[in-house]
């Protein structure tokens, strides 16, 4: 059984995420997942609006983001995952991101 799924979604393919999310392992409702994400362009020590807006979007969903120098992470329930990832992508690409990578695994 695969425990991790990597989503690489350019803006025009956000709808395709629904298909990719089906392949998450089948766990009980309420299962916590760990999400790690990286947003480009990357400027060391100076995260742009494309990064800060994405972090703020996740936090508006009631989640705490651990902000790191090479990527950020948060924990989310399986049920919340699709909406939170969609909000993250909308905020990142809506503020100039050129590439977003998301890695989802069982916490």
Foldseek 3Di string as FASTA:
>chain_A
DDFKFKDKDDPVCLVVVVVSLVPHDDDDFFFKKKKKKAWDPADFPDDDQLVVQLLVQLVVVVWHWADDRGIIMTMDTSVCPSVSVSSSNCRNVVRPTPIMMMMMGGD
